[in-house]
Amino acid sequence: MPRELFIVARDRMDLFEYLSQTFLEADAIRVVLDRRQGERRQQDAACPGDRRRADRRARPRIDAEIRSRGYAYLALA
């Protein structure tokens, strides 16, 4: 089971390939492409009956790292 995770920006296929090759033999490390896309909702207003308070997947620090470096590194517990 991976204990470390690299999330690579979708537009950095070169970095994804490099990290994948570098850690190919490392069972504790997993390299994945960022699968997230923009917001799926077309309107800013919440739908009636929408109970969600915030996007549960929002991770500002990870988003910032992916934008600035092209990847984010996470040590999993």
C-alpha atoms as a PDB file:
ATOM      1  CA  MET A   1       0.000   0.000   0.000  1.00  0.00           C
ATOM      2  CA  PRO A   2       1.431   3.403  -0.984  1.00  0.00           C
ATOM      3  CA  ARG A   3       2.560   5.643   1.859  1.00  0.00           C
ATOM      4  CA  GLU A   4       3.620   8.539  -0.348  1.00  0.00           C
ATOM      5  CA  LEU A   5       1.746  10.141  -3.231  1.00  0.00           C
ATOM      6  CA  PHE A   6       2.734  12.495  -6.030  1.00  0.00           C
ATOM      7  CA  ILE A   7      -0.174  14.248  -7.753  1.00  0.00           C
ATOM      8  CA  VAL A   8       1.037  15.665 -11.067  1.00  0.00           C
ATOM      9  CA  ALA A   9      -0.679  18.436 -13.069  1.00  0.00           C
ATOM     10  CA  ARG A  10      -2.535  17.218 -16.148  1.00  0.00           C
ATOM     11  CA  ASP A  11      -0.470  19.442 -18.428  1.00  0.00           C
ATOM     12  CA  ARG A  12       2.849  18.058 -17.109  1.00  0.00           C
ATOM     13  CA  MET A  13       2.915  14.674 -18.807  1.00  0.00           C
ATOM     14  CA  ASP A  14       6.718  14.913 -18.998  1.00  0.00           C
ATOM     15  CA  LEU A  15       6.952  15.192 -15.212  1.00  0.00           C
ATOM     16  CA  PHE A  16       4.421  12.404 -14.726  1.00  0.00           C
ATOM     17  CA  GLU A  17       6.469  10.076 -16.942  1.00  0.00           C
ATOM     18  CA  TYR A  18       9.720  11.044 -15.220  1.00  0.00           C
ATOM     19  CA  LEU A  19       8.369  10.460 -11.694  1.00  0.00           C
ATOM     20  CA  SER A  20       6.642   7.241 -12.754  1.00  0.00           C
ATOM     21  CA  GLN A  21       9.918   5.863 -14.110  1.00  0.00           C
ATOM     22  CA  THR A  22      11.929   7.105 -11.138  1.00  0.00           C
ATOM     23  CA  PHE A  23       9.652   5.409  -8.588  1.00  0.00           C
ATOM     24  CA  LEU A  24       8.705   2.377 -10.689  1.00  0.00           C
ATOM     25  CA  GLU A  25      10.238  -0.075  -8.209  1.00  0.00           C
ATOM     26  CA  ALA A  26       9.115   1.797  -5.072  1.00  0.00           C
ATOM     27  CA  ASP A  27       6.047   0.028  -3.686  1.00  0.00           C
ATOM     28  CA  ALA A  28       5.461   2.726  -1.082  1.00  0.00           C
ATOM     29  CA  ILE A  29       5.225   5.556  -3.659  1.00  0.00           C
ATOM     30  CA  ARG A  30       2.407   6.178  -6.123  1.00  0.00           C
ATOM     31  CA  VAL A  31       2.408   8.745  -8.926  1.00  0.00           C
ATOM     32  CA  VAL A  32      -0.975   9.884 -10.318  1.00  0.00           C
ATOM     33  CA  LEU A  33      -2.254  12.559 -12.671  1.00  0.00           C
ATOM     34  CA  ASP A  34      -4.556  15.199 -11.218  1.00  0.00           C
ATOM     35  CA  ARG A  35      -7.959  14.055 -12.494  1.00  0.00           C
ATOM     36  CA  ARG A  36      -9.872  17.069 -11.297  1.00  0.00           C
ATOM     37  CA  GLN A  37     -11.371  19.489 -13.765  1.00  0.00           C
ATOM     38  CA  GLY A  38     -13.204  22.758 -13.313  1.00  0.00           C
ATOM     39  CA  GLU A  39     -16.421  23.117 -11.359  1.00  0.00           C
ATOM     40  CA  ARG A  40     -19.186  20.999 -12.872  1.00  0.00           C
ATOM     41  CA  ARG A  41     -21.967  23.352 -11.878  1.00  0.00           C
ATOM     42  CA  GLN A  42     -22.940  25.943 -14.432  1.00  0.00           C
ATOM     43  CA  GLN A  43     -24.465  28.404 -11.953  1.00  0.00           C
ATOM     44  CA  ASP A  44     -22.955  30.034  -8.898  1.00  0.00           C
ATOM     45  CA  ALA A  45     -26.171  29.783  -6.896  1.00  0.00           C
ATOM     46  CA  ALA A  46     -26.827  26.613  -4.948  1.00  0.00           C
ATOM     47  CA  CYS A  47     -29.729  24.462  -6.047  1.00  0.00           C
ATOM     48  CA  PRO A  48     -32.769  24.347  -3.757  1.00  0.00           C
ATOM     49  CA  GLY A  49     -32.267  21.585  -1.242  1.00  0.00           C
ATOM     50  CA  ASP A  50     -28.486  21.552  -1.729  1.00  0.00           C
ATOM     51  CA  ARG A  51     -27.053  20.719   1.705  1.00  0.00           C
ATOM     52  CA  ARG A  52     -23.391  20.895   0.839  1.00  0.00           C
ATOM     53  CA  ARG A  53     -21.618  23.666   2.691  1.00  0.00           C
ATOM     54  CA  ALA A  54     -18.347  23.518   0.798  1.00  0.00           C
ATOM     55  CA  ASP A  55     -16.547  21.373  -1.709  1.00  0.00           C
ATOM     56  CA  ARG A  56     -15.294  18.438   0.377  1.00  0.00           C
ATOM     57  CA  ARG A  57     -12.475  17.861  -2.103  1.00  0.00           C
ATOM     58  CA  ALA A  58     -11.048  21.378  -1.812  1.00  0.00           C
ATOM     59  CA  ARG A  59      -7.418  21.336  -0.736  1.00  0.00           C
ATOM     60  CA  PRO A  60      -6.001  24.867  -1.164  1.00  0.00           C
ATOM     61  CA  ARG A  61      -2.407  23.927  -0.283  1.00  0.00           C
ATOM     62  CA  ILE A  62      -2.351  21.028  -2.741  1.00  0.00           C
ATOM     63  CA  ASP A  63      -3.959  23.138  -5.469  1.00  0.00           C
ATOM     64  CA  ALA A  64      -1.330  25.849  -4.955  1.00  0.00           C
ATOM     65  CA  GLU A  65       1.535  23.331  -5.119  1.00  0.00           C
ATOM     66  CA  ILE A  66       0.225  21.777  -8.326  1.00  0.00           C
ATOM     67  CA  ARG A  67      -0.137  25.223  -9.927  1.00  0.00           C
ATOM     68  CA  SER A  68       3.301  26.472  -8.851  1.00  0.00           C
ATOM     69  CA  ARG A  69       5.455  23.321  -9.134  1.00  0.00           C
ATOM     70  CA  GLY A  70       3.449  21.080 -11.422  1.00  0.00           C
ATOM     71  CA  TYR A  71       2.986  18.492  -8.686  1.00  0.00           C
ATOM     72  CA  ALA A  72       2.039  18.029  -5.043  1.00  0.00           C
ATOM     73  CA  TYR A  73       3.634  15.556  -2.641  1.00  0.00           C
ATOM     74  CA  LEU A  74       1.635  13.909   0.146  1.00  0.00           C
ATOM     75  CA  ALA A  75       2.839  11.641   2.918  1.00  0.00           C
ATOM     76  CA  LEU A  76      -0.082   9.341   3.705  1.00  0.00           C
ATOM     77  CA  ALA A  77      -0.758   8.221   7.259  1.00  0.00           C
END
